[in-house]
Each structure stands twice: as structure tokens, then as C-alpha cells.
PDB file of N, CA and C in Angstrom:
ATOM      1  N   UNK A   1     145.988 124.550  67.734  1.00  0.00           N
ATOM      2  CA  UNK A   1     146.280 124.612  69.154  1.00  0.00           C
ATOM      3  C   UNK A   1     146.199 126.070  69.599  1.00  0.00           C
ATOM      4  N   UNK A   2     145.652 126.276  70.789  1.00  0.00           N
ATOM      5  CA  UNK A   2     145.506 127.619  71.357  1.00  0.00           C
ATOM      6  C   UNK A   2     146.530 127.800  72.481  1.00  0.00           C
ATOM      7  N   UNK A   3     147.287 128.902  72.372  1.00  0.00           N
ATOM      8  CA  UNK A   3     148.382 129.190  73.300  1.00  0.00           C
ATOM      9  C   UNK A   3     148.153 130.558  73.929  1.00  0.00           C
ATOM     10  N   UNK A   4     148.425 130.639  75.237  1.00  0.00           N
ATOM     11  CA  UNK A   4     148.322 131.895  75.968  1.00  0.00           C
ATOM     12  C   UNK A   4     149.718 132.343  76.383  1.00  0.00           C
ATOM     13  N   UNK A   5     150.076 133.583  76.023  1.00  0.00           N
ATOM     14  CA  UNK A   5     151.347 134.172  76.441  1.00  0.00           C
ATOM     15  C   UNK A   5     151.108 134.958  77.728  1.00  0.00           C
ATOM     16  N   UNK A   6     151.877 134.658  78.743  1.00  0.00           N
ATOM     17  CA  UNK A   6     151.708 135.288  80.046  1.00  0.00           C
ATOM     18  C   UNK A   6     151.994 136.786  79.988  1.00  0.00           C
ATOM     19  N   UNK A   7     151.611 137.460  81.032  1.00  0.00           N
ATOM     20  CA  UNK A   7     151.628 138.924  81.106  1.00  0.00           C
ATOM     21  C   UNK A   7     152.996 139.549  80.847  1.00  0.00           C
ATOM     22  N   UNK A   8     154.057 138.924  81.278  1.00  0.00           N
ATOM     23  CA  UNK A   8     155.386 139.516  81.148  1.00  0.00           C
ATOM     24  C   UNK A   8     156.025 139.273  79.781  1.00  0.00           C
ATOM     25  N   UNK A   9     155.353 138.554  78.904  1.00  0.00           N
ATOM     26  CA  UNK A   9     155.907 138.263  77.586  1.00  0.00           C
ATOM     27  C   UNK A   9     155.476 139.291  76.557  1.00  0.00           C
ATOM     28  N   UNK A  10     156.401 139.663  75.712  1.00  0.00           N
ATOM     29  CA  UNK A  10     156.141 140.603  74.625  1.00  0.00           C
ATOM     30  C   UNK A  10     155.227 139.935  73.597  1.00  0.00           C
ATOM     31  N   UNK A  11     154.156 140.601  73.230  1.00  0.00           N
ATOM     32  CA  UNK A  11     153.197 140.032  72.275  1.00  0.00           C
ATOM     33  C   UNK A  11     153.834 139.720  70.929  1.00  0.00           C
ATOM     34  N   UNK A  12     154.959 140.378  70.628  1.00  0.00           N
ATOM     35  CA  UNK A  12     155.647 140.139  69.359  1.00  0.00           C
ATOM     36  C   UNK A  12     156.238 138.733  69.266  1.00  0.00           C
ATOM     37  N   UNK A  13     156.303 138.017  70.386  1.00  0.00           N
ATOM     38  CA  UNK A  13     156.774 136.632  70.345  1.00  0.00           C
ATOM     39  C   UNK A  13     155.836 135.743  69.533  1.00  0.00           C
ATOM     40  N   UNK A  14     154.617 136.176  69.359  1.00  0.00           N
ATOM     41  CA  UNK A  14     153.645 135.400  68.568  1.00  0.00           C
ATOM     42  C   UNK A  14     154.177 135.081  67.178  1.00  0.00           C
ATOM     43  N   UNK A  15     154.944 136.017  66.612  1.00  0.00           N
ATOM     44  CA  UNK A  15     155.417 135.823  65.239  1.00  0.00           C
ATOM     45  C   UNK A  15     156.420 134.687  65.123  1.00  0.00           C
ATOM     46  N   UNK A  16     156.958 134.219  66.235  1.00  0.00           N
ATOM     47  CA  UNK A  16     157.912 133.116  66.223  1.00  0.00           C
ATOM     48  C   UNK A  16     157.247 131.760  66.449  1.00  0.00           C
ATOM     49  N   UNK A  17     155.938 131.754  66.624  1.00  0.00           N
ATOM     50  CA  UNK A  17     155.210 130.505  66.828  1.00  0.00           C
ATOM     51  C   UNK A  17     154.887 129.866  65.482  1.00  0.00           C
ATOM     52  N   UNK A  18     154.754 128.554  65.451  1.00  0.00           N
ATOM     53  CA  UNK A  18     154.491 127.869  64.181  1.00  0.00           C
ATOM     54  C   UNK A  18     153.134 128.242  63.584  1.00  0.00           C
ATOM     55  N   UNK A  19     153.024 128.070  62.267  1.00  0.00           N
ATOM     56  CA  UNK A  19     151.734 128.259  61.602  1.00  0.00           C
ATOM     57  C   UNK A  19     150.701 127.338  62.234  1.00  0.00           C
ATOM     58  N   UNK A  20     149.492 127.806  62.321  1.00  0.00           N
ATOM     59  CA  UNK A  20     148.407 127.007  62.872  1.00  0.00           C
ATOM     60  C   UNK A  20     148.220 127.165  64.371  1.00  0.00           C
ATOM     61  N   UNK A  21     149.127 127.869  65.017  1.00  0.00           N
ATOM     62  CA  UNK A  21     149.002 128.123  66.452  1.00  0.00           C
ATOM     63  C   UNK A  21     148.217 129.415  66.638  1.00  0.00           C
ATOM     64  N   UNK A  22     147.156 129.337  67.398  1.00  0.00           N
ATOM     65  CA  UNK A  22     146.366 130.530  67.722  1.00  0.00           C
ATOM     66  C   UNK A  22     146.844 131.044  69.071  1.00  0.00           C
ATOM     67  N   UNK A  23     147.493 132.197  69.065  1.00  0.00           N
ATOM     68  CA  UNK A  23     148.091 132.727  70.286  1.00  0.00           C
ATOM     69  C   UNK A  23     147.428 134.021  70.702  1.00  0.00           C
ATOM     70  N   UNK A  24     147.243 134.155  72.009  1.00  0.00           N
ATOM     71  CA  UNK A  24     146.693 135.358  72.620  1.00  0.00           C
ATOM     72  C   UNK A  24     147.546 135.694  73.827  1.00  0.00           C
ATOM     73  N   UNK A  25     147.489 136.941  74.254  1.00  0.00           N
ATOM     74  CA  UNK A  25     148.213 137.343  75.460  1.00  0.00           C
ATOM     75  C   UNK A  25     147.231 137.473  76.626  1.00  0.00           C
ATOM     76  N   UNK A  26     147.785 137.424  77.815  1.00  0.00           N
ATOM     77  CA  UNK A  26     146.978 137.613  79.025  1.00  0.00           C
ATOM     78  C   UNK A  26     146.275 138.974  78.962  1.00  0.00           C
ATOM     79  N   UNK A  27     146.997 139.987  78.526  1.00  0.00           N
ATOM     80  CA  UNK A  27     146.397 141.326  78.443  1.00  0.00           C
ATOM     81  C   UNK A  27     145.265 141.373  77.432  1.00  0.00           C
ATOM     82  N   UNK A  28     145.431 140.718  76.287  1.00  0.00           N
ATOM     83  CA  UNK A  28     144.361 140.689  75.285  1.00  0.00           C
ATOM     84  C   UNK A  28     143.086 140.048  75.839  1.00  0.00           C
ATOM     85  N   UNK A  29     143.240 139.101  76.714  1.00  0.00           N
ATOM     86  CA  UNK A  29     142.094 138.409  77.313  1.00  0.00           C
ATOM     87  C   UNK A  29     141.519 139.197  78.489  1.00  0.00           C
ATOM     88  N   UNK A  30     142.195 140.249  78.913  1.00  0.00           N
ATOM     89  CA  UNK A  30     141.712 141.042  80.042  1.00  0.00           C
ATOM     90  C   UNK A  30     142.032 140.430  81.384  1.00  0.00           C
ATOM     91  N   UNK A  31     143.049 139.590  81.431  1.00  0.00           N
ATOM     92  CA  UNK A  31     143.421 138.893  82.649  1.00  0.00           C
ATOM     93  C   UNK A  31     144.700 139.443  83.270  1.00  0.00           C
ATOM     94  N   UNK A  32     145.024 140.699  83.011  1.00  0.00           N
ATOM     95  CA  UNK A  32     146.289 141.278  83.430  1.00  0.00           C
ATOM     96  C   UNK A  32     146.571 141.254  84.917  1.00  0.00           C
ATOM     97  N   UNK A  33     145.580 141.353  85.754  1.00  0.00           N
ATOM     98  CA  UNK A  33     145.828 141.393  87.195  1.00  0.00           C
ATOM     99  C   UNK A  33     145.437 140.096  87.898  1.00  0.00           C
ATOM    100  N   UNK A  34     145.150 139.071  87.134  1.00  0.00           N
ATOM    101  CA  UNK A  34     144.714 137.788  87.700  1.00  0.00           C
ATOM    102  C   UNK A  34     145.924 137.032  88.262  1.00  0.00           C
ATOM    103  N   UNK A  35     145.783 136.504  89.461  1.00  0.00           N
ATOM    104  CA  UNK A  35     146.854 135.739  90.105  1.00  0.00           C
ATOM    105  C   UNK A  35     147.027 134.373  89.436  1.00  0.00           C
ATOM    106  N   UNK A  36     148.189 133.740  89.643  1.00  0.00           N
ATOM    107  CA  UNK A  36     148.543 132.518  88.926  1.00  0.00           C
ATOM    108  C   UNK A  36     147.504 131.401  89.000  1.00  0.00           C
ATOM    109  N   UNK A  37     147.014 131.088  90.184  1.00  0.00           N
ATOM    110  CA  UNK A  37     146.033 130.008  90.311  1.00  0.00           C
ATOM    111  C   UNK A  37     144.768 130.301  89.535  1.00  0.00           C
ATOM    112  N   UNK A  38     144.285 131.517  89.661  1.00  0.00           N
ATOM    113  CA  UNK A  38     143.088 131.927  88.923  1.00  0.00           C
ATOM    114  C   UNK A  38     143.357 131.972  87.426  1.00  0.00           C
ATOM    115  N   UNK A  39     144.547 132.404  87.057  1.00  0.00           N
ATOM    116  CA  UNK A  39     144.913 132.463  85.647  1.00  0.00           C
ATOM    117  C   UNK A  39     144.936 131.067  85.035  1.00  0.00           C
ATOM    118  N   UNK A  40     145.539 130.127  85.720  1.00  0.00           N
ATOM    119  CA  UNK A  40     145.575 128.747  85.214  1.00  0.00           C
ATOM    120  C   UNK A  40     144.168 128.179  85.094  1.00  0.00           C
ATOM    121  N   UNK A  41     143.335 128.473  86.071  1.00  0.00           N
ATOM    122  CA  UNK A  41     141.939 128.005  86.051  1.00  0.00           C
ATOM    123  C   UNK A  41     141.211 128.552  84.830  1.00  0.00           C
ATOM    124  N   UNK A  42     141.340 129.847  84.589  1.00  0.00           N
ATOM    125  CA  UNK A  42     140.676 130.467  83.438  1.00  0.00           C
ATOM    126  C   UNK A  42     141.287 129.990  82.123  1.00  0.00           C
ATOM    127  N   UNK A  43     142.604 129.923  82.074  1.00  0.00           N
ATOM    128  CA  UNK A  43     143.297 129.566  80.838  1.00  0.00           C
ATOM    129  C   UNK A  43     142.946 128.159  80.372  1.00  0.00           C
ATOM    130  N   UNK A  44     142.790 127.223  81.286  1.00  0.00           N
ATOM    131  CA  UNK A  44     142.528 125.845  80.884  1.00  0.00           C
ATOM    132  C   UNK A  44     141.192 125.681  80.152  1.00  0.00           C
ATOM    133  N   UNK A  45     140.306 126.643  80.319  1.00  0.00           N
ATOM    134  CA  UNK A  45     139.001 126.569  79.638  1.00  0.00           C
ATOM    135  C   UNK A  45     139.097 126.940  78.163  1.00  0.00           C
ATOM    136  N   UNK A  46     140.146 127.702  77.797  1.00  0.00           N
ATOM    137  CA  UNK A  46     140.249 128.201  76.429  1.00  0.00           C
ATOM    138  C   UNK A  46     141.538 127.823  75.711  1.00  0.00           C
ATOM    139  N   UNK A  47     142.548 127.402  76.466  1.00  0.00           N
ATOM    140  CA  UNK A  47     143.867 127.192  75.883  1.00  0.00           C
ATOM    141  C   UNK A  47     144.414 125.816  76.255  1.00  0.00           C
ATOM    142  N   UNK A  48     145.342 125.341  75.426  1.00  0.00           N
ATOM    143  CA  UNK A  48     146.027 124.079  75.739  1.00  0.00           C
ATOM    144  C   UNK A  48     147.373 124.315  76.406  1.00  0.00           C
ATOM    145  N   UNK A  49     147.972 125.493  76.138  1.00  0.00           N
ATOM    146  CA  UNK A  49     149.329 125.767  76.624  1.00  0.00           C
ATOM    147  C   UNK A  49     149.434 127.202  77.134  1.00  0.00           C
ATOM    148  N   UNK A  50     150.126 127.365  78.256  1.00  0.00           N
ATOM    149  CA  UNK A  50     150.510 128.677  78.773  1.00  0.00           C
ATOM    150  C   UNK A  50     152.021 128.789  78.634  1.00  0.00           C
ATOM    151  N   UNK A  51     152.493 129.880  78.022  1.00  0.00           N
ATOM    152  CA  UNK A  51     153.926 130.161  77.941  1.00  0.00           C
ATOM    153  C   UNK A  51     154.204 131.315  78.896  1.00  0.00           C
ATOM    154  N   UNK A  52     155.201 131.130  79.766  1.00  0.00           N
ATOM    155  CA  UNK A  52     155.481 132.104  80.814  1.00  0.00           C
ATOM    156  C   UNK A  52     156.979 132.191  81.083  1.00  0.00           C
ATOM    157  N   UNK A  53     157.395 133.240  81.756  1.00  0.00           N
ATOM    158  CA  UNK A  53     158.758 133.327  82.278  1.00  0.00           C
ATOM    159  C   UNK A  53     158.752 133.178  83.803  1.00  0.00           C
ATOM    160  N   UNK A  54     157.595 132.948  84.374  1.00  0.00           N
ATOM    161  CA  UNK A  54     157.450 132.809  85.820  1.00  0.00           C
ATOM    162  C   UNK A  54     157.922 131.417  86.241  1.00  0.00           C
ATOM    163  N   UNK A  55     159.166 131.342  86.674  1.00  0.00           N
ATOM    164  CA  UNK A  55     159.747 130.046  87.038  1.00  0.00           C
ATOM    165  C   UNK A  55     159.154 129.464  88.312  1.00  0.00           C
ATOM    166  N   UNK A  56     158.380 130.259  89.031  1.00  0.00           N
ATOM    167  CA  UNK A  56     157.768 129.772  90.255  1.00  0.00           C
ATOM    168  C   UNK A  56     156.500 128.966  90.040  1.00  0.00           C
ATOM    169  N   UNK A  57     155.851 129.147  88.904  1.00  0.00           N
ATOM    170  CA  UNK A  57     154.561 128.476  88.677  1.00  0.00           C
ATOM    171  C   UNK A  57     154.623 126.964  88.913  1.00  0.00           C
ATOM    172  N   UNK A  58     155.594 126.246  88.349  1.00  0.00           N
ATOM    173  CA  UNK A  58     155.601 124.793  88.576  1.00  0.00           C
ATOM    174  C   UNK A  58     155.781 124.396  90.033  1.00  0.00           C
ATOM    175  N   UNK A  59     156.371 125.282  90.838  1.00  0.00           N
ATOM    176  CA  UNK A  59     156.624 124.967  92.245  1.00  0.00           C
ATOM    177  C   UNK A  59     155.516 125.478  93.164  1.00  0.00           C
ATOM    178  N   UNK A  60     154.839 126.539  92.740  1.00  0.00           N
ATOM    179  CA  UNK A  60     153.817 127.156  93.576  1.00  0.00           C
ATOM    180  C   UNK A  60     152.411 126.637  93.292  1.00  0.00           C
ATOM    181  N   UNK A  61     152.233 126.021  92.137  1.00  0.00           N
ATOM    182  CA  UNK A  61     150.905 125.545  91.741  1.00  0.00           C
ATOM    183  C   UNK A  61     150.942 124.032  91.529  1.00  0.00           C
ATOM    184  N   UNK A  62     149.868 123.373  91.854  1.00  0.00           N
ATOM    185  CA  UNK A  62     149.738 121.944  91.562  1.00  0.00           C
ATOM    186  C   UNK A  62     149.219 121.830  90.130  1.00  0.00           C
ATOM    187  N   UNK A  63     150.137 121.755  89.173  1.00  0.00           N
ATOM    188  CA  UNK A  63     149.752 121.776  87.760  1.00  0.00           C
ATOM    189  C   UNK A  63     148.893 120.586  87.365  1.00  0.00           C
ATOM    190  N   UNK A  64     148.967 119.497  88.100  1.00  0.00           N
ATOM    191  CA  UNK A  64     148.157 118.316  87.777  1.00  0.00           C
ATOM    192  C   UNK A  64     146.658 118.608  87.880  1.00  0.00           C
ATOM    193  N   UNK A  65     146.301 119.681  88.597  1.00  0.00           N
ATOM    194  CA  UNK A  65     144.893 120.077  88.733  1.00  0.00           C
ATOM    195  C   UNK A  65     144.341 120.702  87.458  1.00  0.00           C
ATOM    196  N   UNK A  66     145.233 121.093  86.546  1.00  0.00           N
ATOM    197  CA  UNK A  66     144.813 121.875  85.383  1.00  0.00           C
ATOM    198  C   UNK A  66     144.986 121.095  84.083  1.00  0.00           C
ATOM    199  N   UNK A  67     144.024 121.251  83.211  1.00  0.00           N
ATOM    200  CA  UNK A  67     144.073 120.635  81.887  1.00  0.00           C
ATOM    201  C   UNK A  67     144.797 121.600  80.945  1.00  0.00           C
ATOM    202  N   UNK A  68     146.067 121.841  81.260  1.00  0.00           N
ATOM    203  CA  UNK A  68     146.852 122.860  80.581  1.00  0.00           C
ATOM    204  C   UNK A  68     148.323 122.502  80.733  1.00  0.00           C
ATOM    205  N   UNK A  69     149.073 122.591  79.650  1.00  0.00           N
ATOM    206  CA  UNK A  69     150.529 122.418  79.712  1.00  0.00           C
ATOM    207  C   UNK A  69     151.159 123.795  79.894  1.00  0.00           C
ATOM    208  N   UNK A  70     152.301 123.837  80.565  1.00  0.00           N
ATOM    209  CA  UNK A  70     152.994 125.097  80.821  1.00  0.00           C
ATOM    210  C   UNK A  70     154.414 125.000  80.277  1.00  0.00           C
ATOM    211  N   UNK A  71     154.786 125.998  79.472  1.00  0.00           N
ATOM    212  CA  UNK A  71     156.167 126.133  79.005  1.00  0.00           C
ATOM    213  C   UNK A  71     156.760 127.320  79.747  1.00  0.00           C
ATOM    214  N   UNK A  72     157.849 127.079  80.478  1.00  0.00           N
ATOM    215  CA  UNK A  72     158.533 128.125  81.229  1.00  0.00           C
ATOM    216  C   UNK A  72     159.801 128.497  80.473  1.00  0.00           C
ATOM    217  N   UNK A  73     159.908 129.763  80.093  1.00  0.00           N
ATOM    218  CA  UNK A  73     161.091 130.267  79.409  1.00  0.00           C
ATOM    219  C   UNK A  73     162.037 130.861  80.437  1.00  0.00           C
ATOM    220  N   UNK A  74     163.276 130.402  80.440  1.00  0.00           N
ATOM    221  CA  UNK A  74     164.275 130.882  81.391  1.00  0.00           C
ATOM    222  C   UNK A  74     165.414 131.520  80.605  1.00  0.00           C
ATOM    223  N   UNK A  75     165.470 132.843  80.641  1.00  0.00           N
ATOM    224  CA  UNK A  75     166.488 133.598  79.916  1.00  0.00           C
ATOM    225  C   UNK A  75     167.040 134.692  80.813  1.00  0.00           C
ATOM    226  N   UNK A  76     168.046 135.390  80.325  1.00  0.00           N
ATOM    227  CA  UNK A  76     168.684 136.470  81.075  1.00  0.00           C
ATOM    228  C   UNK A  76     167.676 137.555  81.453  1.00  0.00           C
ATOM    229  N   UNK A  77     166.722 137.825  80.546  1.00  0.00           N
ATOM    230  CA  UNK A  77     165.684 138.816  80.819  1.00  0.00           C
ATOM    231  C   UNK A  77     164.423 138.433  80.044  1.00  0.00           C
ATOM    232  N   UNK A  78     163.381 139.220  80.216  1.00  0.00           N
ATOM    233  CA  UNK A  78     162.132 139.001  79.482  1.00  0.00           C
ATOM    234  C   UNK A  78     162.115 139.717  78.140  1.00  0.00           C
ATOM    235  N   UNK A  79     163.237 140.304  77.745  1.00  0.00           N
ATOM    236  CA  UNK A  79     163.270 141.036  76.479  1.00  0.00           C
ATOM    237  C   UNK A  79     163.126 140.077  75.308  1.00  0.00           C
ATOM    238  N   UNK A  80     162.559 140.586  74.241  1.00  0.00           N
ATOM    239  CA  UNK A  80     162.362 139.755  73.059  1.00  0.00           C
ATOM    240  C   UNK A  80     163.703 139.258  72.528  1.00  0.00           C
ATOM    241  N   UNK A  81     164.757 140.058  72.652  1.00  0.00           N
ATOM    242  CA  UNK A  81     166.086 139.652  72.188  1.00  0.00           C
ATOM    243  C   UNK A  81     166.604 138.430  72.956  1.00  0.00           C
ATOM    244  N   UNK A  82     166.310 138.354  74.248  1.00  0.00           N
ATOM    245  CA  UNK A  82     166.756 137.210  75.046  1.00  0.00           C
ATOM    246  C   UNK A  82     165.847 135.994  74.895  1.00  0.00           C
ATOM    247  N   UNK A  83     164.578 136.226  74.604  1.00  0.00           N
ATOM    248  CA  UNK A  83     163.629 135.108  74.485  1.00  0.00           C
ATOM    249  C   UNK A  83     163.567 134.510  73.084  1.00  0.00           C
ATOM    250  N   UNK A  84     163.846 135.306  72.077  1.00  0.00           N
ATOM    251  CA  UNK A  84     163.766 134.808  70.692  1.00  0.00           C
ATOM    252  C   UNK A  84     164.586 133.527  70.457  1.00  0.00           C
ATOM    253  N   UNK A  85     165.810 133.415  70.987  1.00  0.00           N
ATOM    254  CA  UNK A  85     166.575 132.180  70.757  1.00  0.00           C
ATOM    255  C   UNK A  85     165.922 130.918  71.342  1.00  0.00           C
ATOM    256  N   UNK A  86     164.987 131.089  72.259  1.00  0.00           N
ATOM    257  CA  UNK A  86     164.299 129.938  72.863  1.00  0.00           C
ATOM    258  C   UNK A  86     163.109 129.476  72.023  1.00  0.00           C
ATOM    259  N   UNK A  87     162.675 130.309  71.095  1.00  0.00           N
ATOM    260  CA  UNK A  87     161.445 130.038  70.358  1.00  0.00           C
ATOM    261  C   UNK A  87     161.507 128.822  69.423  1.00  0.00           C
ATOM    262  N   UNK A  88     162.652 128.462  68.839  1.00  0.00           N
ATOM    263  CA  UNK A  88     162.666 127.222  68.052  1.00  0.00           C
ATOM    264  C   UNK A  88     162.300 125.989  68.887  1.00  0.00           C
ATOM    265  N   UNK A  89     162.758 125.951  70.127  1.00  0.00           N
ATOM    266  CA  UNK A  89     162.399 124.833  71.004  1.00  0.00           C
ATOM    267  C   UNK A  89     160.920 124.886  71.379  1.00  0.00           C
ATOM    268  N   UNK A  90     160.400 126.086  71.598  1.00  0.00           N
ATOM    269  CA  UNK A  90     158.966 126.245  71.852  1.00  0.00           C
ATOM    270  C   UNK A  90     158.187 125.701  70.653  1.00  0.00           C
ATOM    271  N   UNK A  91     158.606 126.074  69.467  1.00  0.00           N
ATOM    272  CA  UNK A  91     157.931 125.607  68.247  1.00  0.00           C
ATOM    273  C   UNK A  91     157.974 124.089  68.146  1.00  0.00           C
ATOM    274  N   UNK A  92     159.120 123.503  68.454  1.00  0.00           N
ATOM    275  CA  UNK A  92     159.245 122.044  68.395  1.00  0.00           C
ATOM    276  C   UNK A  92     158.228 121.380  69.333  1.00  0.00           C
ATOM    277  N   UNK A  93     158.112 121.931  70.527  1.00  0.00           N
ATOM    278  CA  UNK A  93     157.162 121.373  71.489  1.00  0.00           C
ATOM    279  C   UNK A  93     155.723 121.521  71.003  1.00  0.00           C
ATOM    280  N   UNK A  94     155.399 122.706  70.487  1.00  0.00           N
ATOM    281  CA  UNK A  94     154.025 122.974  70.051  1.00  0.00           C
ATOM    282  C   UNK A  94     153.635 122.188  68.807  1.00  0.00           C
ATOM    283  N   UNK A  95     154.609 121.857  67.989  1.00  0.00           N
ATOM    284  CA  UNK A  95     154.314 121.096  66.770  1.00  0.00           C
ATOM    285  C   UNK A  95     154.149 119.610  67.038  1.00  0.00           C
ATOM    286  N   UNK A  96     154.301 119.215  68.298  1.00  0.00           N
ATOM    287  CA  UNK A  96     154.041 117.824  68.647  1.00  0.00           C
ATOM    288  C   UNK A  96     155.203 116.888  68.421  1.00  0.00           C
ATOM    289  N   UNK A  97     156.401 117.437  68.213  1.00  0.00           N
ATOM    290  CA  UNK A  97     157.568 116.591  67.997  1.00  0.00           C
ATOM    291  C   UNK A  97     158.071 115.990  69.312  1.00  0.00           C
ATOM    292  N   UNK A  98     157.412 116.322  70.398  1.00  0.00           N
ATOM    293  CA  UNK A  98     157.858 115.858  71.700  1.00  0.00           C
ATOM    294  C   UNK A  98     156.666 115.439  72.551  1.00  0.00           C
ATOM    295  N   UNK A  99     156.848 114.384  73.287  1.00  0.00           N
ATOM    296  CA  UNK A  99     155.798 113.955  74.219  1.00  0.00           C
ATOM    297  C   UNK A  99     155.947 114.671  75.561  1.00  0.00           C
ATOM    298  N   UNK A 100     156.927 115.561  75.666  1.00  0.00           N
ATOM    299  CA  UNK A 100     157.173 116.296  76.915  1.00  0.00           C
ATOM    300  C   UNK A 100     156.035 117.233  77.276  1.00  0.00           C
ATOM    301  N   UNK A 101     155.369 117.773  76.273  1.00  0.00           N
ATOM    302  CA  UNK A 101     154.341 118.788  76.495  1.00  0.00           C
ATOM    303  C   UNK A 101     152.986 118.113  76.666  1.00  0.00           C
ATOM    304  N   UNK A 102     152.529 118.077  77.918  1.00  0.00           N
ATOM    305  CA  UNK A 102     151.235 117.442  78.187  1.00  0.00           C
ATOM    306  C   UNK A 102     150.538 118.155  79.336  1.00  0.00           C
ATOM    307  N   UNK A 103     149.223 118.121  79.324  1.00  0.00           N
ATOM    308  CA  UNK A 103     148.442 118.817  80.353  1.00  0.00           C
ATOM    309  C   UNK A 103     148.867 118.376  81.759  1.00  0.00           C
ATOM    310  N   UNK A 104     148.892 119.363  82.651  1.00  0.00           N
ATOM    311  CA  UNK A 104     149.244 119.064  84.038  1.00  0.00           C
ATOM    312  C   UNK A 104     150.728 119.039  84.312  1.00  0.00           C
ATOM    313  N   UNK A 105     151.526 119.366  83.305  1.00  0.00           N
ATOM    314  CA  UNK A 105     152.984 119.328  83.454  1.00  0.00           C
ATOM    315  C   UNK A 105     153.593 120.618  82.895  1.00  0.00           C
ATOM    316  N   UNK A 106     154.848 120.854  83.291  1.00  0.00           N
ATOM    317  CA  UNK A 106     155.585 121.992  82.752  1.00  0.00           C
ATOM    318  C   UNK A 106     156.871 121.504  82.110  1.00  0.00           C
ATOM    319  N   UNK A 107     157.333 122.310  81.164  1.00  0.00           N
ATOM    320  CA  UNK A 107     158.626 122.095  80.512  1.00  0.00           C
ATOM    321  C   UNK A 107     159.361 123.423  80.599  1.00  0.00           C
ATOM    322  N   UNK A 108     160.619 123.390  81.041  1.00  0.00           N
ATOM    323  CA  UNK A 108     161.421 124.597  81.112  1.00  0.00           C
ATOM    324  C   UNK A 108     162.421 124.604  79.963  1.00  0.00           C
ATOM    325  N   UNK A 109     162.481 125.736  79.274  1.00  0.00           N
ATOM    326  CA  UNK A 109     163.445 125.929  78.199  1.00  0.00           C
ATOM    327  C   UNK A 109     164.407 127.009  78.663  1.00  0.00           C
ATOM    328  N   UNK A 110     165.677 126.648  78.727  1.00  0.00           N
ATOM    329  CA  UNK A 110     166.695 127.570  79.230  1.00  0.00           C
ATOM    330  C   UNK A 110     167.533 128.123  78.099  1.00  0.00           C
ATOM    331  N   UNK A 111     167.914 129.380  78.271  1.00  0.00           N
ATOM    332  CA  UNK A 111     168.741 130.003  77.243  1.00  0.00           C
ATOM    333  C   UNK A 111     169.880 130.772  77.841  1.00  0.00           C
TER     334      UNK A 111
END
């Protein structure tokens, strides 16, 4: 499975993803200044999942238009220390233990 980490996420979060997950960051792809709609459009061509802290995406975008699942991380801050505790749930979703993660939908993980 191919996963894209949004611009505000620390690339070091990749190490908390399960084996077999191919993860890239928005910056690595050269999409750092791309707006959300354009980002989702581009991401769906190469990735199955976008992980973000942007809680507005599910409300501002019609996710059903995109062949991409979105995981929204909701923590006190975007720091790796605050996001790391959410990563076991991210891993559970990515490993397919849940039918919650499907294209055109978002799942919010709160910490």
C-alpha cells in the first residue's frame, strides 16, 4: 500500500508505519505548495491513503470524488511526540483490520 504524509507531518512518522507500507511525504513528491483539492487529485493517482492533520479536508472537499482514503490525525500539536501515540491506530487501519478505511472517505483518529 502507498501512503502520502501531508505537508505538516514530520517525515519521521514513517518509521511507525507497518512493514510493507510505502510512504512518501508531500515535500518529497514536490507538492509542498499544492492546495488541498489539487493535492487530493494528484495523490489519488499514486497513493491509496493520505495521512493529514488538516481537520478541514473532510468538510472542505468532496472526498467521494477521489479514489483515496484520508486519515485525519487530531492531536494537541503536529509534533512527533503528540502524533506518535496515534500511530498504532493508523497501523491498524493500514493493515486492513478495519473496513473503516476506504476510498472517498475519511477516518479521524483523536489523541
